[in-house]
C-alpha atoms as a PDB file:
ATOM      1  CA  MET A   1      86.419  96.986  18.588  1.00  0.00           C
ATOM      2  CA  HIS A   2      83.519  95.559  16.271  1.00  0.00           C
ATOM      3  CA  ILE A   3      83.745  92.052  16.800  1.00  0.00           C
ATOM      4  CA  ILE A   4      81.858  89.471  14.501  1.00  0.00           C
ATOM      5  CA  LEU A   5      81.699  86.197  15.367  1.00  0.00           C
ATOM      6  CA  VAL A   6      80.563  83.273  13.043  1.00  0.00           C
ATOM      7  CA  PRO A   7      79.933  79.810  13.609  1.00  0.00           C
ATOM      8  CA  GLY A   8      80.832  76.566  12.427  1.00  0.00           C
ATOM      9  CA  LEU A   9      78.942  74.206  10.483  1.00  0.00           C
ATOM     10  CA  TRP A  10      75.387  73.065  12.246  1.00  0.00           C
ATOM     11  CA  LEU A  11      75.689  76.521  14.654  1.00  0.00           C
ATOM     12  CA  ASP A  12      73.511  79.562  14.387  1.00  0.00           C
ATOM     13  CA  ALA A  13      74.089  82.745  15.943  1.00  0.00           C
ATOM     14  CA  SER A  14      72.687  81.807  19.250  1.00  0.00           C
ATOM     15  CA  SER A  15      75.981  79.595  19.833  1.00  0.00           C
ATOM     16  CA  TRP A  16      77.686  82.266  20.850  1.00  0.00           C
ATOM     17  CA  ASN A  17      75.411  82.927  23.763  1.00  0.00           C
ATOM     18  CA  GLY A  18      77.706  81.899  25.884  1.00  0.00           C
ATOM     19  CA  ILE A  19      81.050  84.057  24.829  1.00  0.00           C
ATOM     20  CA  THR A  20      79.015  87.779  23.588  1.00  0.00           C
ATOM     21  CA  PRO A  21      77.747  89.179  27.067  1.00  0.00           C
ATOM     22  CA  ALA A  22      81.865  88.658  28.006  1.00  0.00           C
ATOM     23  CA  LEU A  23      83.197  90.947  25.190  1.00  0.00           C
ATOM     24  CA  GLU A  24      80.282  93.198  25.536  1.00  0.00           C
ATOM     25  CA  ARG A  25      81.061  93.676  29.172  1.00  0.00           C
ATOM     26  CA  ALA A  26      84.690  94.536  28.098  1.00  0.00           C
ATOM     27  CA  GLY A  27      83.250  97.468  25.649  1.00  0.00           C
ATOM     28  CA  HIS A  28      83.353  96.021  22.237  1.00  0.00           C
ATOM     29  CA  ARG A  29      80.604  95.819  19.737  1.00  0.00           C
ATOM     30  CA  VAL A  30      79.916  92.654  19.376  1.00  0.00           C
ATOM     31  CA  HIS A  31      77.900  91.062  15.838  1.00  0.00           C
ATOM     32  CA  ALA A  32      77.266  87.321  16.003  1.00  0.00           C
ATOM     33  CA  LEU A  33      75.910  86.179  13.065  1.00  0.00           C
ATOM     34  CA  THR A  34      73.815  82.953  10.939  1.00  0.00           C
ATOM     35  CA  MET A  35      75.172  82.405   7.922  1.00  0.00           C
ATOM     36  CA  PRO A  36      72.916  82.014   4.922  1.00  0.00           C
ATOM     37  CA  GLY A  37      71.221  78.771   4.344  1.00  0.00           C
ATOM     38  CA  VAL A  38      71.290  78.064   7.670  1.00  0.00           C
ATOM     39  CA  GLY A  39      68.191  75.608   8.675  1.00  0.00           C
ATOM     40  CA  ALA A  40      67.094  75.428   5.026  1.00  0.00           C
ATOM     41  CA  PRO A  41      65.427  72.902   2.836  1.00  0.00           C
ATOM     42  CA  ALA A  42      67.145  72.644   0.244  1.00  0.00           C
ATOM     43  CA  SER A  43      64.404  74.077  -2.148  1.00  0.00           C
ATOM     44  CA  GLU A  44      66.434  77.017  -0.826  1.00  0.00           C
ATOM     45  CA  SER A  45      69.570  76.291   0.044  1.00  0.00           C
ATOM     46  CA  ALA A  46      71.001  74.368  -2.563  1.00  0.00           C
ATOM     47  CA  GLN A  47      72.426  77.466  -4.884  1.00  0.00           C
ATOM     48  CA  ILE A  48      74.143  78.819  -1.678  1.00  0.00           C
ATOM     49  CA  GLY A  49      77.966  78.070  -1.470  1.00  0.00           C
ATOM     50  CA  ILE A  50      81.130  79.211   0.449  1.00  0.00           C
ATOM     51  CA  ALA A  51      81.351  82.621  -1.296  1.00  0.00           C
ATOM     52  CA  ASP A  52      77.979  83.567  -0.179  1.00  0.00           C
ATOM     53  CA  TRP A  53      79.118  82.981   3.393  1.00  0.00           C
ATOM     54  CA  VAL A  54      82.021  85.214   2.801  1.00  0.00           C
ATOM     55  CA  ASP A  55      79.743  87.825   1.535  1.00  0.00           C
ATOM     56  CA  ALA A  56      77.556  87.840   4.529  1.00  0.00           C
ATOM     57  CA  VAL A  57      81.043  88.302   6.858  1.00  0.00           C
ATOM     58  CA  VAL A  58      81.854  91.058   4.357  1.00  0.00           C
ATOM     59  CA  ASP A  59      78.323  92.894   4.456  1.00  0.00           C
ATOM     60  CA  ALA A  60      78.928  92.786   8.116  1.00  0.00           C
ATOM     61  CA  ILE A  61      82.741  94.256   8.192  1.00  0.00           C
ATOM     62  CA  ASP A  62      81.454  97.561   5.464  1.00  0.00           C
ATOM     63  CA  ALA A  63      78.779  98.087   7.791  1.00  0.00           C
ATOM     64  CA  ALA A  64      80.556  98.172  11.197  1.00  0.00           C
ATOM     65  CA  PRO A  65      82.778 101.727  11.625  1.00  0.00           C
ATOM     66  CA  GLY A  66      86.673 100.896  11.328  1.00  0.00           C
ATOM     67  CA  LEU A  67      88.811  98.076  12.370  1.00  0.00           C
ATOM     68  CA  VAL A  68      87.107  94.948  13.179  1.00  0.00           C
ATOM     69  CA  VAL A  69      88.095  91.104  14.491  1.00  0.00           C
ATOM     70  CA  LEU A  70      87.668  88.451  13.379  1.00  0.00           C
ATOM     71  CA  VAL A  71      86.400  85.542  14.900  1.00  0.00           C
ATOM     72  CA  GLY A  72      86.214  82.180  13.706  1.00  0.00           C
ATOM     73  CA  HIS A  73      84.818  78.815  15.093  1.00  0.00           C
ATOM     74  CA  SER A  74      85.866  75.545  12.712  1.00  0.00           C
ATOM     75  CA  GLY A  75      84.222  75.830   9.280  1.00  0.00           C
ATOM     76  CA  GLY A  76      83.883  78.927  10.031  1.00  0.00           C
ATOM     77  CA  GLY A  77      87.407  79.852   9.827  1.00  0.00           C
ATOM     78  CA  ASN A  78      87.231  79.269   6.189  1.00  0.00           C
ATOM     79  CA  VAL A  79      84.659  82.076   6.183  1.00  0.00           C
ATOM     80  CA  VAL A  80      86.672  84.572   8.150  1.00  0.00           C
ATOM     81  CA  TYR A  81      89.984  84.009   6.220  1.00  0.00           C
ATOM     82  CA  GLY A  82      87.962  84.390   2.855  1.00  0.00           C
ATOM     83  CA  ALA A  83      85.776  88.089   4.025  1.00  0.00           C
ATOM     84  CA  ALA A  84      89.975  88.838   5.509  1.00  0.00           C
ATOM     85  CA  ASP A  85      91.476  88.176   2.236  1.00  0.00           C
ATOM     86  CA  ALA A  86      88.004  90.641   0.335  1.00  0.00           C
ATOM     87  CA  ARG A  87      89.080  93.516   3.220  1.00  0.00           C
ATOM     88  CA  PRO A  88      92.380  93.060   4.588  1.00  0.00           C
ATOM     89  CA  GLU A  89      92.255  97.089   5.167  1.00  0.00           C
ATOM     90  CA  ARG A  90      89.230  96.482   7.342  1.00  0.00           C
ATOM     91  CA  VAL A  91      90.441  93.659   9.422  1.00  0.00           C
ATOM     92  CA  ALA A  92      92.262  94.197  12.697  1.00  0.00           C
ATOM     93  CA  ARG A  93      93.182  90.071  13.478  1.00  0.00           C
ATOM     94  CA  VAL A  94      91.818  87.007  12.657  1.00  0.00           C
ATOM     95  CA  VAL A  95      90.898  84.493  14.949  1.00  0.00           C
ATOM     96  CA  PHE A  96      90.767  81.073  14.450  1.00  0.00           C
ATOM     97  CA  VAL A  97      88.584  79.182  17.314  1.00  0.00           C
ATOM     98  CA  ASP A  98      90.499  75.068  16.910  1.00  0.00           C
ATOM     99  CA  THR A  99      91.087  75.226  12.795  1.00  0.00           C
ATOM    100  CA  PHE A 100      93.516  76.613  10.605  1.00  0.00           C
ATOM    101  CA  PRO A 101      94.162  79.340   8.072  1.00  0.00           C
ATOM    102  CA  PRO A 102      92.918  77.546   4.271  1.00  0.00           C
ATOM    103  CA  GLY A 103      94.471  78.053   1.361  1.00  0.00           C
ATOM    104  CA  ASP A 104      93.120  79.074  -1.969  1.00  0.00           C
ATOM    105  CA  GLY A 105      90.874  76.872  -3.310  1.00  0.00           C
ATOM    106  CA  GLY A 106      90.589  75.447   0.226  1.00  0.00           C
ATOM    107  CA  SER A 107      87.253  73.461   1.446  1.00  0.00           C
ATOM    108  CA  ILE A 108      85.912  72.706   5.041  1.00  0.00           C
ATOM    109  CA  TRP A 109      85.008  69.082   4.750  1.00  0.00           C
ATOM    110  CA  GLU A 110      83.143  66.343   2.893  1.00  0.00           C
ATOM    111  CA  PHE A 111      79.866  65.349   5.387  1.00  0.00           C
ATOM    112  CA  PRO A 112      77.162  62.917   4.103  1.00  0.00           C
ATOM    113  CA  ILE A 113      74.189  64.739   2.234  1.00  0.00           C
ATOM    114  CA  VAL A 114      70.394  64.213   3.873  1.00  0.00           C
ATOM    115  CA  ASP A 115      67.443  65.286   1.398  1.00  0.00           C
ATOM    116  CA  GLY A 116      69.628  67.954  -0.251  1.00  0.00           C
ATOM    117  CA  VAL A 117      71.204  69.575   2.644  1.00  0.00           C
ATOM    118  CA  VAL A 118      74.002  68.659   4.880  1.00  0.00           C
ATOM    119  CA  PRO A 119      72.418  67.592   8.672  1.00  0.00           C
ATOM    120  CA  PHE A 120      74.670  67.483  11.890  1.00  0.00           C
ATOM    121  CA  PRO A 121      76.261  64.265  11.812  1.00  0.00           C
ATOM    122  CA  GLY A 122      76.016  63.694  15.193  1.00  0.00           C
ATOM    123  CA  TRP A 123      78.551  63.269  18.025  1.00  0.00           C
ATOM    124  CA  ASP A 124      79.284  59.470  17.311  1.00  0.00           C
ATOM    125  CA  PHE A 125      80.302  61.367  13.499  1.00  0.00           C
ATOM    126  CA  PHE A 126      83.933  63.667  15.779  1.00  0.00           C
ATOM    127  CA  GLU A 127      87.351  61.842  17.131  1.00  0.00           C
ATOM    128  CA  GLU A 128      86.936  61.364  20.654  1.00  0.00           C
ATOM    129  CA  GLN A 129      89.367  64.453  21.789  1.00  0.00           C
ATOM    130  CA  GLU A 130      87.110  66.322  19.870  1.00  0.00           C
ATOM    131  CA  VAL A 131      84.353  65.887  21.978  1.00  0.00           C
ATOM    132  CA  ALA A 132      85.240  64.591  25.509  1.00  0.00           C
ATOM    133  CA  ASP A 133      84.999  67.415  27.131  1.00  0.00           C
ATOM    134  CA  LEU A 134      81.231  67.946  26.139  1.00  0.00           C
ATOM    135  CA  ASP A 135      78.847  66.470  28.812  1.00  0.00           C
ATOM    136  CA  GLU A 136      75.510  64.725  27.656  1.00  0.00           C
ATOM    137  CA  ALA A 137      73.892  67.608  28.711  1.00  0.00           C
ATOM    138  CA  THR A 138      75.822  69.662  26.527  1.00  0.00           C
ATOM    139  CA  ARG A 139      76.036  67.194  23.802  1.00  0.00           C
ATOM    140  CA  ALA A 140      72.288  66.631  23.522  1.00  0.00           C
ATOM    141  CA  THR A 141      71.143  70.573  24.040  1.00  0.00           C
ATOM    142  CA  THR A 142      74.016  71.100  21.388  1.00  0.00           C
ATOM    143  CA  ALA A 143      72.534  68.392  18.827  1.00  0.00           C
ATOM    144  CA  ALA A 144      68.778  69.495  19.440  1.00  0.00           C
ATOM    145  CA  ARG A 145      69.369  73.262  18.395  1.00  0.00           C
ATOM    146  CA  ALA A 146      71.834  71.971  15.628  1.00  0.00           C
ATOM    147  CA  LYS A 147      70.628  73.490  11.741  1.00  0.00           C
ATOM    148  CA  SER A 148      71.766  71.176   8.408  1.00  0.00           C
ATOM    149  CA  VAL A 149      73.843  73.761   6.187  1.00  0.00           C
ATOM    150  CA  PRO A 150      73.717  74.113   2.418  1.00  0.00           C
ATOM    151  CA  ALA A 151      75.074  71.257   0.360  1.00  0.00           C
ATOM    152  CA  LYS A 152      77.357  72.917  -1.150  1.00  0.00           C
ATOM    153  CA  VAL A 153      79.289  74.912   1.559  1.00  0.00           C
ATOM    154  CA  PRO A 154      81.663  72.016   2.853  1.00  0.00           C
ATOM    155  CA  THR A 155      83.343  71.221  -0.360  1.00  0.00           C
ATOM    156  CA  ASP A 156      82.643  74.427  -2.004  1.00  0.00           C
ATOM    157  CA  PRO A 157      86.217  75.875  -2.588  1.00  0.00           C
ATOM    158  CA  LEU A 158      87.776  79.084  -1.330  1.00  0.00           C
ATOM    159  CA  SER A 159      88.832  81.474  -3.085  1.00  0.00           C
ATOM    160  CA  LEU A 160      91.360  83.910  -2.191  1.00  0.00           C
ATOM    161  CA  ARG A 161      93.080  86.864  -3.905  1.00  0.00           C
ATOM    162  CA  ASP A 162      95.039  89.270  -1.788  1.00  0.00           C
ATOM    163  CA  GLU A 163      98.194  88.330  -0.121  1.00  0.00           C
ATOM    164  CA  ARG A 164      98.016  91.294   2.328  1.00  0.00           C
ATOM    165  CA  ARG A 165      95.692  88.744   4.239  1.00  0.00           C
ATOM    166  CA  ARG A 166      98.712  87.030   5.121  1.00  0.00           C
ATOM    167  CA  ARG A 167     100.020  90.351   6.747  1.00  0.00           C
ATOM    168  CA  LEU A 168      97.456  90.054   9.107  1.00  0.00           C
ATOM    169  CA  PRO A 169      97.846  89.546  12.986  1.00  0.00           C
ATOM    170  CA  VAL A 170      96.360  86.355  13.054  1.00  0.00           C
ATOM    171  CA  THR A 171      95.600  84.547  16.592  1.00  0.00           C
ATOM    172  CA  MET A 172      94.845  80.425  16.587  1.00  0.00           C
ATOM    173  CA  LEU A 173      93.268  79.362  19.507  1.00  0.00           C
ATOM    174  CA  THR A 174      93.827  75.717  19.597  1.00  0.00           C
ATOM    175  CA  GLY A 175      91.888  72.939  21.484  1.00  0.00           C
ATOM    176  CA  THR A 176      92.971  70.222  19.780  1.00  0.00           C
ATOM    177  CA  VAL A 177      95.736  70.308  18.127  1.00  0.00           C
ATOM    178  CA  SER A 178      99.217  71.218  20.513  1.00  0.00           C
ATOM    179  CA  ALA A 179     100.989  74.285  19.859  1.00  0.00           C
ATOM    180  CA  ASP A 180     103.777  72.040  19.099  1.00  0.00           C
ATOM    181  CA  GLU A 181     102.259  70.112  16.827  1.00  0.00           C
ATOM    182  CA  ILE A 182     101.141  73.024  14.596  1.00  0.00           C
ATOM    183  CA  ARG A 183     104.765  74.672  14.926  1.00  0.00           C
ATOM    184  CA  GLY A 184     106.391  71.371  13.664  1.00  0.00           C
ATOM    185  CA  ILE A 185     103.878  71.601  10.873  1.00  0.00           C
ATOM    186  CA  ILE A 186     104.607  75.117  10.399  1.00  0.00           C
ATOM    187  CA  ALA A 187     108.531  73.402  10.537  1.00  0.00           C
ATOM    188  CA  SER A 188     107.703  71.058   7.934  1.00  0.00           C
ATOM    189  CA  ALA A 189     105.713  72.833   5.623  1.00  0.00           C
ATOM    190  CA  PRO A 190     103.662  70.648   4.059  1.00  0.00           C
ATOM    191  CA  GLU A 191     101.872  71.463   0.871  1.00  0.00           C
ATOM    192  CA  TRP A 192      98.129  71.609   2.521  1.00  0.00           C
ATOM    193  CA  ALA A 193      99.121  74.187   5.747  1.00  0.00           C
ATOM    194  CA  ALA A 194     101.180  76.954   3.025  1.00  0.00           C
ATOM    195  CA  GLU A 195      98.815  79.539   4.423  1.00  0.00           C
ATOM    196  CA  LEU A 196      99.616  78.937   7.768  1.00  0.00           C
ATOM    197  CA  ALA A 197     102.977  78.779   6.913  1.00  0.00           C
ATOM    198  CA  ALA A 198     103.196  81.679   4.707  1.00  0.00           C
ATOM    199  CA  VAL A 199     101.145  83.861   8.251  1.00  0.00           C
ATOM    200  CA  GLU A 200     103.745  86.556   9.226  1.00  0.00           C
ATOM    201  CA  ASP A 201     102.285  87.264  12.428  1.00  0.00           C
ATOM    202  CA  LEU A 202     100.800  84.102  14.367  1.00  0.00           C
ATOM    203  CA  GLU A 203     100.365  83.849  18.081  1.00  0.00           C
ATOM    204  CA  ILE A 204      99.038  79.934  19.102  1.00  0.00           C
ATOM    205  CA  VAL A 205      96.896  80.169  22.289  1.00  0.00           C
ATOM    206  CA  GLU A 206      96.317  76.589  23.782  1.00  0.00           C
ATOM    207  CA  LEU A 207      92.944  76.287  24.866  1.00  0.00           C
ATOM    208  CA  HIS A 208      93.000  72.834  26.435  1.00  0.00           C
ATOM    209  CA  SER A 209      89.638  71.832  25.701  1.00  0.00           C
ATOM    210  CA  GLY A 210      87.786  69.636  22.631  1.00  0.00           C
ATOM    211  CA  HIS A 211      86.478  71.611  19.554  1.00  0.00           C
ATOM    212  CA  TRP A 212      83.432  73.149  21.023  1.00  0.00           C
ATOM    213  CA  PRO A 213      84.865  76.123  23.874  1.00  0.00           C
ATOM    214  CA  GLN A 214      82.430  77.952  23.270  1.00  0.00           C
ATOM    215  CA  PHE A 215      80.149  75.122  24.893  1.00  0.00           C
ATOM    216  CA  SER A 216      82.788  73.346  27.117  1.00  0.00           C
ATOM    217  CA  GLN A 217      84.033  76.292  28.587  1.00  0.00           C
ATOM    218  CA  PRO A 218      82.524  79.518  27.614  1.00  0.00           C
ATOM    219  CA  ALA A 219      84.593  82.127  30.248  1.00  0.00           C
ATOM    220  CA  ALA A 220      87.669  80.447  29.604  1.00  0.00           C
ATOM    221  CA  LEU A 221      87.091  81.419  25.136  1.00  0.00           C
ATOM    222  CA  ALA A 222      85.704  84.443  26.003  1.00  0.00           C
ATOM    223  CA  ALA A 223      88.779  85.628  27.976  1.00  0.00           C
ATOM    224  CA  ASN A 224      91.339  84.259  25.215  1.00  0.00           C
ATOM    225  CA  ILE A 225      89.010  86.482  22.743  1.00  0.00           C
ATOM    226  CA  LEU A 226      89.197  89.504  24.436  1.00  0.00           C
ATOM    227  CA  ALA A 227      93.372  89.032  25.461  1.00  0.00           C
ATOM    228  CA  ALA A 228      94.050  88.867  21.612  1.00  0.00           C
ATOM    229  CA  VAL A 229      91.381  91.658  20.889  1.00  0.00           C
ATOM    230  CA  ASP A 230      93.385  93.829  22.881  1.00  0.00           C
ATOM    231  CA  ARG A 231      96.785  92.494  21.603  1.00  0.00           C
END
């Protein structure tokens, strides 16, 4: 199986280095992506939006023979879901790593813009449960290699058009929200979670991690991605 790995904001393809070897040893072809404009100054990235990131994943799907599994971490979940919407017939499964399926018009989040780009805001920006399992060495290493993202990407609305995406198998690997909480959200059906409630084939797996399991527990994350791929 071809597995396409899409990082969240401020991360590039190397953020999956702790995951890729286990997937490859299992016989899969792994494509870890760096999104357009990551690390580039505003003069080069100002016009890059979420649609460009989705297009980059669609290009990777089109370049791979047969079906693919899409894995998106955090804001990368919006990107892979947009690509699944664009190529539902080519996607075997969508795997969300500590994030939710976005709805049409949804965006990632709003972060401070500095010099025309969105830099990594620092660990203090995040809630304690998101970062509690990252030791000081991991925080320092990750922050040092974090890269800015184009200013438009976090707040750009995602465009979804093909409702066949809702019939694709979806696995949520959740670290910061329990499975019971997610099921409660589905049952209460708030408007912001309408897409989650509309997914017809949903699996929820608890990681018992923070928001960055690729750094805090890469072996466990890789094992859960493999289990999702093999279902």
